[in-house]
Amino acid sequence: MNKVNLNVVGLSMLALAIVSLFKGLEDTFFIFLILSSAMFGAGRMVNLIEGKSNIKQSNIRLAFIGVIFGIASMFTPGVFEVIFSFLFGTCFGLIGVGLVFQKNYGEED
């Protein structure tokens, strides 16, 4: 599966998570959140394996965006707080994927 398909699946699962949250299905909401972040992580790993991304620059960019989402999650109420917290965690999880890739494949930038 290529990166674009993984991101589409991840976004679809994120949409299903939001729908399940509005329907009151909290367990399903968390399952779809976990699965969508796993799809985003798999897409990032495919991108790194194909050598289409500079690990150091993308990690700095993800950290900056993650901090913005973390700050936004502290000052927004309700559902937006959950969404921004999820995006915060996903950004730092994608940094972790980059670090795992560096450790396993010995890629130095």
PDB file of N, CA and C in Angstrom:
ATOM      1  N   MET A   1       0.850  -1.167   0.000  1.00  0.00           N
ATOM      2  CA  MET A   1       0.000   0.000   0.000  1.00  0.00           C
ATOM      3  C   MET A   1       0.898   1.234   0.000  1.00  0.00           C
ATOM      4  N   ASN A   2       0.604   2.197  -0.836  1.00  0.00           N
ATOM      5  CA  ASN A   2       1.460   3.380  -0.872  1.00  0.00           C
ATOM      6  C   ASN A   2       1.003   4.426   0.143  1.00  0.00           C
ATOM      7  N   LYS A   3       1.812   5.473   0.270  1.00  0.00           N
ATOM      8  CA  LYS A   3       1.591   6.481   1.300  1.00  0.00           C
ATOM      9  C   LYS A   3       0.241   7.187   1.143  1.00  0.00           C
ATOM     10  N   VAL A   4      -0.143   7.489  -0.092  1.00  0.00           N
ATOM     11  CA  VAL A   4      -1.405   8.203  -0.317  1.00  0.00           C
ATOM     12  C   VAL A   4      -2.580   7.356   0.151  1.00  0.00           C
ATOM     13  N   ASN A   5      -2.566   6.060  -0.171  1.00  0.00           N
ATOM     14  CA  ASN A   5      -3.652   5.189   0.270  1.00  0.00           C
ATOM     15  C   ASN A   5      -3.706   5.078   1.787  1.00  0.00           C
ATOM     16  N   LEU A   6      -2.547   5.022   2.429  1.00  0.00           N
ATOM     17  CA  LEU A   6      -2.525   4.937   3.893  1.00  0.00           C
ATOM     18  C   LEU A   6      -3.074   6.205   4.528  1.00  0.00           C
ATOM     19  N   ASN A   7      -2.758   7.346   3.955  1.00  0.00           N
ATOM     20  CA  ASN A   7      -3.289   8.597   4.495  1.00  0.00           C
ATOM     21  C   ASN A   7      -4.793   8.708   4.271  1.00  0.00           C
ATOM     22  N   VAL A   8      -5.275   8.221   3.137  1.00  0.00           N
ATOM     23  CA  VAL A   8      -6.725   8.235   2.877  1.00  0.00           C
ATOM     24  C   VAL A   8      -7.440   7.324   3.867  1.00  0.00           C
ATOM     25  N   VAL A   9      -6.866   6.150   4.123  1.00  0.00           N
ATOM     26  CA  VAL A   9      -7.462   5.242   5.105  1.00  0.00           C
ATOM     27  C   VAL A   9      -7.425   5.877   6.495  1.00  0.00           C
ATOM     28  N   GLY A  10      -6.314   6.538   6.826  1.00  0.00           N
ATOM     29  CA  GLY A  10      -6.204   7.206   8.122  1.00  0.00           C
ATOM     30  C   GLY A  10      -7.230   8.313   8.286  1.00  0.00           C
ATOM     31  N   LEU A  11      -7.397   9.127   7.248  1.00  0.00           N
ATOM     32  CA  LEU A  11      -8.406  10.194   7.312  1.00  0.00           C
ATOM     33  C   LEU A  11      -9.819   9.629   7.379  1.00  0.00           C
ATOM     34  N   SER A  12     -10.069   8.518   6.675  1.00  0.00           N
ATOM     35  CA  SER A  12     -11.389   7.885   6.733  1.00  0.00           C
ATOM     36  C   SER A  12     -11.680   7.372   8.138  1.00  0.00           C
ATOM     37  N   MET A  13     -10.682   6.770   8.752  1.00  0.00           N
ATOM     38  CA  MET A  13     -10.875   6.280  10.123  1.00  0.00           C
ATOM     39  C   MET A  13     -11.047   7.428  11.111  1.00  0.00           C
ATOM     40  N   LEU A  14     -10.356   8.533  10.862  1.00  0.00           N
ATOM     41  CA  LEU A  14     -10.534   9.711  11.709  1.00  0.00           C
ATOM     42  C   LEU A  14     -11.950  10.259  11.573  1.00  0.00           C
ATOM     43  N   ALA A  15     -12.477  10.267  10.352  1.00  0.00           N
ATOM     44  CA  ALA A  15     -13.864  10.705  10.138  1.00  0.00           C
ATOM     45  C   ALA A  15     -14.837   9.767  10.842  1.00  0.00           C
ATOM     46  N   LEU A  16     -14.579   8.459  10.765  1.00  0.00           N
ATOM     47  CA  LEU A  16     -15.434   7.500  11.477  1.00  0.00           C
ATOM     48  C   LEU A  16     -15.349   7.696  12.984  1.00  0.00           C
ATOM     49  N   ALA A  17     -14.180   8.055  13.482  1.00  0.00           N
ATOM     50  CA  ALA A  17     -14.029   8.320  14.914  1.00  0.00           C
ATOM     51  C   ALA A  17     -14.869   9.515  15.329  1.00  0.00           C
ATOM     52  N   ILE A  18     -14.834  10.567  14.528  1.00  0.00           N
ATOM     53  CA  ILE A  18     -15.616  11.767  14.861  1.00  0.00           C
ATOM     54  C   ILE A  18     -17.108  11.464  14.821  1.00  0.00           C
ATOM     55  N   VAL A  19     -17.549  10.700  13.826  1.00  0.00           N
ATOM     56  CA  VAL A  19     -18.964  10.323  13.742  1.00  0.00           C
ATOM     57  C   VAL A  19     -19.355   9.480  14.950  1.00  0.00           C
ATOM     58  N   SER A  20     -18.497   8.534  15.327  1.00  0.00           N
ATOM     59  CA  SER A  20     -18.836   7.689  16.479  1.00  0.00           C
ATOM     60  C   SER A  20     -18.846   8.487  17.780  1.00  0.00           C
ATOM     61  N   LEU A  21     -18.038   9.541  17.855  1.00  0.00           N
ATOM     62  CA  LEU A  21     -18.076  10.399  19.045  1.00  0.00           C
ATOM     63  C   LEU A  21     -19.412  11.119  19.134  1.00  0.00           C
ATOM     64  N   PHE A  22     -19.896  11.629  18.005  1.00  0.00           N
ATOM     65  CA  PHE A  22     -21.179  12.324  18.015  1.00  0.00           C
ATOM     66  C   PHE A  22     -22.340  11.366  18.248  1.00  0.00           C
ATOM     67  N   LYS A  23     -22.177  10.089  17.900  1.00  0.00           N
ATOM     68  CA  LYS A  23     -23.222   9.088  18.148  1.00  0.00           C
ATOM     69  C   LYS A  23     -23.187   8.570  19.581  1.00  0.00           C
ATOM     70  N   GLY A  24     -22.142   8.921  20.340  1.00  0.00           N
ATOM     71  CA  GLY A  24     -22.048   8.496  21.723  1.00  0.00           C
ATOM     72  C   GLY A  24     -21.358   7.159  21.915  1.00  0.00           C
ATOM     73  N   LEU A  25     -20.628   6.694  20.922  1.00  0.00           N
ATOM     74  CA  LEU A  25     -19.921   5.417  21.007  1.00  0.00           C
ATOM     75  C   LEU A  25     -18.456   5.675  21.361  1.00  0.00           C
ATOM     76  N   GLU A  26     -18.184   5.854  22.647  1.00  0.00           N
ATOM     77  CA  GLU A  26     -16.848   6.246  23.082  1.00  0.00           C
ATOM     78  C   GLU A  26     -15.803   5.179  22.793  1.00  0.00           C
ATOM     79  N   ASP A  27     -16.132   3.905  23.001  1.00  0.00           N
ATOM     80  CA  ASP A  27     -15.164   2.834  22.743  1.00  0.00           C
ATOM     81  C   ASP A  27     -14.777   2.786  21.272  1.00  0.00           C
ATOM     82  N   THR A  28     -15.770   2.891  20.413  1.00  0.00           N
ATOM     83  CA  THR A  28     -15.506   2.889  18.977  1.00  0.00           C
ATOM     84  C   THR A  28     -14.697   4.114  18.578  1.00  0.00           C
ATOM     85  N   PHE A  29     -14.966   5.238  19.208  1.00  0.00           N
ATOM     86  CA  PHE A  29     -14.220   6.456  18.949  1.00  0.00           C
ATOM     87  C   PHE A  29     -12.730   6.246  19.204  1.00  0.00           C
ATOM     88  N   PHE A  30     -12.391   5.662  20.366  1.00  0.00           N
ATOM     89  CA  PHE A  30     -10.984   5.452  20.699  1.00  0.00           C
ATOM     90  C   PHE A  30     -10.330   4.408  19.799  1.00  0.00           C
ATOM     91  N   ILE A  31     -11.061   3.386  19.421  1.00  0.00           N
ATOM     92  CA  ILE A  31     -10.515   2.372  18.512  1.00  0.00           C
ATOM     93  C   ILE A  31     -10.172   3.001  17.171  1.00  0.00           C
ATOM     94  N   PHE A  32     -11.080   3.803  16.620  1.00  0.00           N
ATOM     95  CA  PHE A  32     -10.809   4.443  15.330  1.00  0.00           C
ATOM     96  C   PHE A  32      -9.687   5.474  15.438  1.00  0.00           C
ATOM     97  N   LEU A  33      -9.570   6.148  16.568  1.00  0.00           N
ATOM     98  CA  LEU A  33      -8.452   7.073  16.754  1.00  0.00           C
ATOM     99  C   LEU A  33      -7.117   6.343  16.733  1.00  0.00           C
ATOM    100  N   ILE A  34      -7.044   5.231  17.420  1.00  0.00           N
ATOM    101  CA  ILE A  34      -5.810   4.448  17.460  1.00  0.00           C
ATOM    102  C   ILE A  34      -5.473   3.916  16.074  1.00  0.00           C
ATOM    103  N   LEU A  35      -6.466   3.401  15.374  1.00  0.00           N
ATOM    104  CA  LEU A  35      -6.224   2.864  14.036  1.00  0.00           C
ATOM    105  C   LEU A  35      -5.824   3.957  13.041  1.00  0.00           C
ATOM    106  N   SER A  36      -6.432   5.131  13.160  1.00  0.00           N
ATOM    107  CA  SER A  36      -6.083   6.211  12.225  1.00  0.00           C
ATOM    108  C   SER A  36      -4.656   6.684  12.468  1.00  0.00           C
ATOM    109  N   SER A  37      -4.237   6.794  13.720  1.00  0.00           N
ATOM    110  CA  SER A  37      -2.859   7.210  13.979  1.00  0.00           C
ATOM    111  C   SER A  37      -1.875   6.142  13.520  1.00  0.00           C
ATOM    112  N   ALA A  38      -2.256   4.874  13.599  1.00  0.00           N
ATOM    113  CA  ALA A  38      -1.396   3.800  13.088  1.00  0.00           C
ATOM    114  C   ALA A  38      -1.247   3.903  11.573  1.00  0.00           C
ATOM    115  N   MET A  39      -2.306   4.267  10.878  1.00  0.00           N
ATOM    116  CA  MET A  39      -2.232   4.440   9.421  1.00  0.00           C
ATOM    117  C   MET A  39      -1.333   5.616   9.058  1.00  0.00           C
ATOM    118  N   PHE A  40      -1.427   6.704   9.820  1.00  0.00           N
ATOM    119  CA  PHE A  40      -0.551   7.856   9.568  1.00  0.00           C
ATOM    120  C   PHE A  40       0.910   7.475   9.816  1.00  0.00           C
ATOM    121  N   GLY A  41       1.166   6.692  10.861  1.00  0.00           N
ATOM    122  CA  GLY A  41       2.521   6.231  11.151  1.00  0.00           C
ATOM    123  C   GLY A  41       3.053   5.309  10.071  1.00  0.00           C
ATOM    124  N   ALA A  42       2.204   4.425   9.561  1.00  0.00           N
ATOM    125  CA  ALA A  42       2.632   3.536   8.478  1.00  0.00           C
ATOM    126  C   ALA A  42       2.935   4.331   7.213  1.00  0.00           C
ATOM    127  N   GLY A  43       2.134   5.351   6.939  1.00  0.00           N
ATOM    128  CA  GLY A  43       2.393   6.209   5.783  1.00  0.00           C
ATOM    129  C   GLY A  43       3.720   6.944   5.913  1.00  0.00           C
ATOM    130  N   ARG A  44       4.024   7.403   7.112  1.00  0.00           N
ATOM    131  CA  ARG A  44       5.308   8.085   7.338  1.00  0.00           C
ATOM    132  C   ARG A  44       6.471   7.119   7.165  1.00  0.00           C
ATOM    133  N   MET A  45       6.312   5.890   7.660  1.00  0.00           N
ATOM    134  CA  MET A  45       7.388   4.906   7.511  1.00  0.00           C
ATOM    135  C   MET A  45       7.623   4.573   6.037  1.00  0.00           C
ATOM    136  N   VAL A  46       6.562   4.439   5.254  1.00  0.00           N
ATOM    137  CA  VAL A  46       6.715   4.195   3.816  1.00  0.00           C
ATOM    138  C   VAL A  46       7.445   5.359   3.171  1.00  0.00           C
ATOM    139  N   ASN A  47       7.085   6.571   3.562  1.00  0.00           N
ATOM    140  CA  ASN A  47       7.730   7.768   3.030  1.00  0.00           C
ATOM    141  C   ASN A  47       9.217   7.784   3.367  1.00  0.00           C
ATOM    142  N   LEU A  48       9.568   7.383   4.581  1.00  0.00           N
ATOM    143  CA  LEU A  48      10.967   7.370   4.990  1.00  0.00           C
ATOM    144  C   LEU A  48      11.747   6.263   4.295  1.00  0.00           C
ATOM    145  N   ILE A  49      11.134   5.111   4.121  1.00  0.00           N
ATOM    146  CA  ILE A  49      11.807   4.000   3.449  1.00  0.00           C
ATOM    147  C   ILE A  49      12.101   4.347   1.995  1.00  0.00           C
ATOM    148  N   GLU A  50      11.172   5.042   1.348  1.00  0.00           N
ATOM    149  CA  GLU A  50      11.376   5.434  -0.043  1.00  0.00           C
ATOM    150  C   GLU A  50      12.361   6.589  -0.175  1.00  0.00           C
ATOM    151  N   GLY A  51      12.770   7.176   0.932  1.00  0.00           N
ATOM    152  CA  GLY A  51      13.760   8.244   0.918  1.00  0.00           C
ATOM    153  C   GLY A  51      13.235   9.570   0.422  1.00  0.00           C
ATOM    154  N   LYS A  52      11.953   9.804   0.566  1.00  0.00           N
ATOM    155  CA  LYS A  52      11.336  11.038   0.077  1.00  0.00           C
ATOM    156  C   LYS A  52      11.309  12.149   1.124  1.00  0.00           C
ATOM    157  N   SER A  53      11.869  11.890   2.293  1.00  0.00           N
ATOM    158  CA  SER A  53      11.752  12.859   3.371  1.00  0.00           C
ATOM    159  C   SER A  53      13.076  12.986   4.108  1.00  0.00           C
ATOM    160  N   ASN A  54      13.415  14.206   4.481  1.00  0.00           N
ATOM    161  CA  ASN A  54      14.566  14.466   5.330  1.00  0.00           C
ATOM    162  C   ASN A  54      14.096  14.326   6.774  1.00  0.00           C
ATOM    163  N   ILE A  55      14.654  13.373   7.496  1.00  0.00           N
ATOM    164  CA  ILE A  55      14.150  13.036   8.819  1.00  0.00           C
ATOM    165  C   ILE A  55      14.292  14.205   9.786  1.00  0.00           C
ATOM    166  N   LYS A  56      15.444  14.838   9.803  1.00  0.00           N
ATOM    167  CA  LYS A  56      15.683  15.910  10.766  1.00  0.00           C
ATOM    168  C   LYS A  56      14.736  17.093  10.533  1.00  0.00           C
ATOM    169  N   GLN A  57      14.603  17.518   9.292  1.00  0.00           N
ATOM    170  CA  GLN A  57      13.721  18.660   8.989  1.00  0.00           C
ATOM    171  C   GLN A  57      12.261  18.325   9.268  1.00  0.00           C
ATOM    172  N   SER A  58      11.835  17.130   8.879  1.00  0.00           N
ATOM    173  CA  SER A  58      10.433  16.776   9.107  1.00  0.00           C
ATOM    174  C   SER A  58      10.139  16.607  10.594  1.00  0.00           C
ATOM    175  N   ASN A  59      11.108  16.104  11.386  1.00  0.00           N
ATOM    176  CA  ASN A  59      10.893  15.989  12.831  1.00  0.00           C
ATOM    177  C   ASN A  59      10.774  17.358  13.490  1.00  0.00           C
ATOM    178  N   ILE A  60      11.590  18.313  13.046  1.00  0.00           N
ATOM    179  CA  ILE A  60      11.492  19.670  13.594  1.00  0.00           C
ATOM    180  C   ILE A  60      10.140  20.285  13.231  1.00  0.00           C
ATOM    181  N   ARG A  61       9.722  20.094  11.991  1.00  0.00           N
ATOM    182  CA  ARG A  61       8.419  20.622  11.546  1.00  0.00           C
ATOM    183  C   ARG A  61       7.277  19.991  12.344  1.00  0.00           C
ATOM    184  N   LEU A  62       7.340  18.665  12.536  1.00  0.00           N
ATOM    185  CA  LEU A  62       6.297  17.981  13.301  1.00  0.00           C
ATOM    186  C   LEU A  62       6.285  18.420  14.766  1.00  0.00           C
ATOM    187  N   ALA A  63       7.459  18.660  15.342  1.00  0.00           N
ATOM    188  CA  ALA A  63       7.517  19.132  16.732  1.00  0.00           C
ATOM    189  C   ALA A  63       6.892  20.514  16.864  1.00  0.00           C
ATOM    190  N   PHE A  64       7.189  21.397  15.924  1.00  0.00           N
ATOM    191  CA  PHE A  64       6.613  22.737  15.955  1.00  0.00           C
ATOM    192  C   PHE A  64       5.089  22.684  15.827  1.00  0.00           C
ATOM    193  N   ILE A  65       4.606  21.900  14.867  1.00  0.00           N
ATOM    194  CA  ILE A  65       3.153  21.770  14.677  1.00  0.00           C
ATOM    195  C   ILE A  65       2.517  21.100  15.895  1.00  0.00           C
ATOM    196  N   GLY A  66       3.194  20.089  16.452  1.00  0.00           N
ATOM    197  CA  GLY A  66       2.671  19.395  17.634  1.00  0.00           C
ATOM    198  C   GLY A  66       2.540  20.308  18.836  1.00  0.00           C
ATOM    199  N   VAL A  67       3.525  21.181  19.041  1.00  0.00           N
ATOM    200  CA  VAL A  67       3.450  22.134  20.161  1.00  0.00           C
ATOM    201  C   VAL A  67       2.281  23.090  19.953  1.00  0.00           C
ATOM    202  N   ILE A  68       2.063  23.536  18.722  1.00  0.00           N
ATOM    203  CA  ILE A  68       0.920  24.418  18.439  1.00  0.00           C
ATOM    204  C   ILE A  68      -0.390  23.708  18.774  1.00  0.00           C
ATOM    205  N   PHE A  69      -0.517  22.434  18.351  1.00  0.00           N
ATOM    206  CA  PHE A  69      -1.734  21.684  18.673  1.00  0.00           C
ATOM    207  C   PHE A  69      -1.861  21.451  20.174  1.00  0.00           C
ATOM    208  N   GLY A  70      -0.757  21.222  20.880  1.00  0.00           N
ATOM    209  CA  GLY A  70      -0.797  21.031  22.317  1.00  0.00           C
ATOM    210  C   GLY A  70      -1.271  22.279  23.044  1.00  0.00           C
ATOM    211  N   ILE A  71      -0.762  23.429  22.622  1.00  0.00           N
ATOM    212  CA  ILE A  71      -1.201  24.691  23.228  1.00  0.00           C
ATOM    213  C   ILE A  71      -2.671  24.945  22.908  1.00  0.00           C
ATOM    214  N   ALA A  72      -3.065  24.660  21.666  1.00  0.00           N
ATOM    215  CA  ALA A  72      -4.468  24.861  21.282  1.00  0.00           C
ATOM    216  C   ALA A  72      -5.393  23.949  22.084  1.00  0.00           C
ATOM    217  N   SER A  73      -4.927  22.743  22.409  1.00  0.00           N
ATOM    218  CA  SER A  73      -5.786  21.823  23.174  1.00  0.00           C
ATOM    219  C   SER A  73      -6.006  22.304  24.602  1.00  0.00           C
ATOM    220  N   MET A  74      -5.091  23.123  25.123  1.00  0.00           N
ATOM    221  CA  MET A  74      -5.266  23.628  26.483  1.00  0.00           C
ATOM    222  C   MET A  74      -6.300  24.744  26.558  1.00  0.00           C
ATOM    223  N   PHE A  75      -6.542  25.428  25.442  1.00  0.00           N
ATOM    224  CA  PHE A  75      -7.406  26.602  25.474  1.00  0.00           C
ATOM    225  C   PHE A  75      -8.712  26.434  24.706  1.00  0.00           C
ATOM    226  N   THR A  76      -9.013  25.228  24.227  1.00  0.00           N
ATOM    227  CA  THR A  76     -10.266  25.004  23.511  1.00  0.00           C
ATOM    228  C   THR A  76     -11.156  24.059  24.312  1.00  0.00           C
ATOM    229  N   PRO A  77     -12.449  24.241  24.235  1.00  0.00           N
ATOM    230  CA  PRO A  77     -13.362  23.404  25.020  1.00  0.00           C
ATOM    231  C   PRO A  77     -13.865  22.185  24.239  1.00  0.00           C
ATOM    232  N   GLY A  78     -14.283  21.177  24.959  1.00  0.00           N
ATOM    233  CA  GLY A  78     -15.044  20.062  24.430  1.00  0.00           C
ATOM    234  C   GLY A  78     -14.355  19.223  23.377  1.00  0.00           C
ATOM    235  N   VAL A  79     -15.055  19.055  22.264  1.00  0.00           N
ATOM    236  CA  VAL A  79     -14.600  18.170  21.190  1.00  0.00           C
ATOM    237  C   VAL A  79     -13.309  18.685  20.573  1.00  0.00           C
ATOM    238  N   PHE A  80     -13.164  19.978  20.455  1.00  0.00           N
ATOM    239  CA  PHE A  80     -11.951  20.531  19.867  1.00  0.00           C
ATOM    240  C   PHE A  80     -10.724  20.217  20.727  1.00  0.00           C
ATOM    241  N   GLU A  81     -10.915  20.173  22.020  1.00  0.00           N
ATOM    242  CA  GLU A  81      -9.821  19.798  22.907  1.00  0.00           C
ATOM    243  C   GLU A  81      -9.349  18.375  22.611  1.00  0.00           C
ATOM    244  N   VAL A  82     -10.295  17.476  22.414  1.00  0.00           N
ATOM    245  CA  VAL A  82      -9.956  16.085  22.099  1.00  0.00           C
ATOM    246  C   VAL A  82      -9.253  15.993  20.749  1.00  0.00           C
ATOM    247  N   ILE A  83      -9.751  16.700  19.766  1.00  0.00           N
ATOM    248  CA  ILE A  83      -9.158  16.657  18.429  1.00  0.00           C
ATOM    249  C   ILE A  83      -7.750  17.229  18.444  1.00  0.00           C
ATOM    250  N   PHE A  84      -7.553  18.376  19.094  1.00  0.00           N
ATOM    251  CA  PHE A  84      -6.212  18.959  19.151  1.00  0.00           C
ATOM    252  C   PHE A  84      -5.255  18.092  19.966  1.00  0.00           C
ATOM    253  N   SER A  85      -5.746  17.461  21.010  1.00  0.00           N
ATOM    254  CA  SER A  85      -4.897  16.549  21.785  1.00  0.00           C
ATOM    255  C   SER A  85      -4.482  15.349  20.943  1.00  0.00           C
ATOM    256  N   PHE A  86      -5.425  14.831  20.147  1.00  0.00           N
ATOM    257  CA  PHE A  86      -5.108  13.723  19.246  1.00  0.00           C
ATOM    258  C   PHE A  86      -4.047  14.138  18.229  1.00  0.00           C
ATOM    259  N   LEU A  87      -4.213  15.317  17.646  1.00  0.00           N
ATOM    260  CA  LEU A  87      -3.236  15.795  16.669  1.00  0.00           C
ATOM    261  C   LEU A  87      -1.875  16.038  17.315  1.00  0.00           C
ATOM    262  N   PHE A  88      -1.867  16.527  18.539  1.00  0.00           N
ATOM    263  CA  PHE A  88      -0.628  16.697  19.300  1.00  0.00           C
ATOM    264  C   PHE A  88       0.081  15.356  19.463  1.00  0.00           C
ATOM    265  N   GLY A  89      -0.635  14.362  19.910  1.00  0.00           N
ATOM    266  CA  GLY A  89      -0.051  13.033  20.098  1.00  0.00           C
ATOM    267  C   GLY A  89       0.394  12.392  18.801  1.00  0.00           C
ATOM    268  N   THR A  90      -0.362  12.603  17.740  1.00  0.00           N
ATOM    269  CA  THR A  90      -0.008  12.041  16.443  1.00  0.00           C
ATOM    270  C   THR A  90       1.279  12.655  15.914  1.00  0.00           C
ATOM    271  N   CYS A  91       1.434  13.961  16.059  1.00  0.00           N
ATOM    272  CA  CYS A  91       2.665  14.619  15.598  1.00  0.00           C
ATOM    273  C   CYS A  91       3.882  14.053  16.317  1.00  0.00           C
ATOM    274  N   PHE A  92       3.792  13.900  17.629  1.00  0.00           N
ATOM    275  CA  PHE A  92       4.940  13.379  18.363  1.00  0.00           C
ATOM    276  C   PHE A  92       5.110  11.875  18.144  1.00  0.00           C
ATOM    277  N   GLY A  93       4.035  11.175  17.842  1.00  0.00           N
ATOM    278  CA  GLY A  93       4.156   9.770  17.455  1.00  0.00           C
ATOM    279  C   GLY A  93       4.872   9.614  16.122  1.00  0.00           C
ATOM    280  N   LEU A  94       4.617  10.527  15.193  1.00  0.00           N
ATOM    281  CA  LEU A  94       5.300  10.487  13.897  1.00  0.00           C
ATOM    282  C   LEU A  94       6.784  10.812  14.052  1.00  0.00           C
ATOM    283  N   ILE A  95       7.126  11.651  15.025  1.00  0.00           N
ATOM    284  CA  ILE A  95       8.543  11.885  15.323  1.00  0.00           C
ATOM    285  C   ILE A  95       9.168  10.585  15.818  1.00  0.00           C
ATOM    286  N   GLY A  96       8.443   9.865  16.646  1.00  0.00           N
ATOM    287  CA  GLY A  96       8.926   8.565  17.123  1.00  0.00           C
ATOM    288  C   GLY A  96       9.139   7.577  15.993  1.00  0.00           C
ATOM    289  N   VAL A  97       8.267   7.593  14.996  1.00  0.00           N
ATOM    290  CA  VAL A  97       8.442   6.728  13.829  1.00  0.00           C
ATOM    291  C   VAL A  97       9.742   7.066  13.113  1.00  0.00           C
ATOM    292  N   GLY A  98      10.035   8.364  12.990  1.00  0.00           N
ATOM    293  CA  GLY A  98      11.283   8.784  12.364  1.00  0.00           C
ATOM    294  C   GLY A  98      12.495   8.328  13.150  1.00  0.00           C
ATOM    295  N   LEU A  99      12.416   8.380  14.483  1.00  0.00           N
ATOM    296  CA  LEU A  99      13.524   7.937  15.319  1.00  0.00           C
ATOM    297  C   LEU A  99      13.729   6.424  15.230  1.00  0.00           C
ATOM    298  N   VAL A 100      12.638   5.679  15.177  1.00  0.00           N
ATOM    299  CA  VAL A 100      12.734   4.227  15.011  1.00  0.00           C
ATOM    300  C   VAL A 100      13.359   3.898  13.662  1.00  0.00           C
ATOM    301  N   PHE A 101      12.965   4.625  12.630  1.00  0.00           N
ATOM    302  CA  PHE A 101      13.547   4.417  11.305  1.00  0.00           C
ATOM    303  C   PHE A 101      15.047   4.688  11.325  1.00  0.00           C
ATOM    304  N   GLN A 102      15.451   5.770  11.967  1.00  0.00           N
ATOM    305  CA  GLN A 102      16.879   6.090  12.058  1.00  0.00           C
ATOM    306  C   GLN A 102      17.645   5.002  12.788  1.00  0.00           C
ATOM    307  N   LYS A 103      17.073   4.485  13.855  1.00  0.00           N
ATOM    308  CA  LYS A 103      17.758   3.469  14.639  1.00  0.00           C
ATOM    309  C   LYS A 103      17.869   2.152  13.867  1.00  0.00           C
ATOM    310  N   ASN A 104      16.794   1.750  13.198  1.00  0.00           N
ATOM    311  CA  ASN A 104      16.779   0.457  12.516  1.00  0.00           C
ATOM    312  C   ASN A 104      17.518   0.451  11.194  1.00  0.00           C
ATOM    313  N   TYR A 105      17.476   1.540  10.464  1.00  0.00           N
ATOM    314  CA  TYR A 105      18.085   1.582   9.141  1.00  0.00           C
ATOM    315  C   TYR A 105      19.399   2.359   9.119  1.00  0.00           C
ATOM    316  N   GLY A 106      19.784   2.942  10.237  1.00  0.00           N
ATOM    317  CA  GLY A 106      21.053   3.634  10.322  1.00  0.00           C
ATOM    318  C   GLY A 106      21.173   4.841   9.421  1.00  0.00           C
ATOM    319  N   GLU A 107      20.045   5.472   9.122  1.00  0.00           N
ATOM    320  CA  GLU A 107      20.056   6.653   8.259  1.00  0.00           C
ATOM    321  C   GLU A 107      20.482   7.850   9.066  1.00  0.00           C
ATOM    322  N   GLU A 108      21.512   8.528   8.641  1.00  0.00           N
ATOM    323  CA  GLU A 108      21.967   9.744   9.304  1.00  0.00           C
ATOM    324  C   GLU A 108      21.818  10.897   8.339  1.00  0.00           C
ATOM    325  N   ASP A 109      21.208  11.980   8.803  1.00  0.00           N
ATOM    326  CA  ASP A 109      21.063  13.183   7.972  1.00  0.00           C
ATOM    327  C   ASP A 109      21.976  14.258   8.454  1.00  0.00           C
TER     328      ASP A 109
END
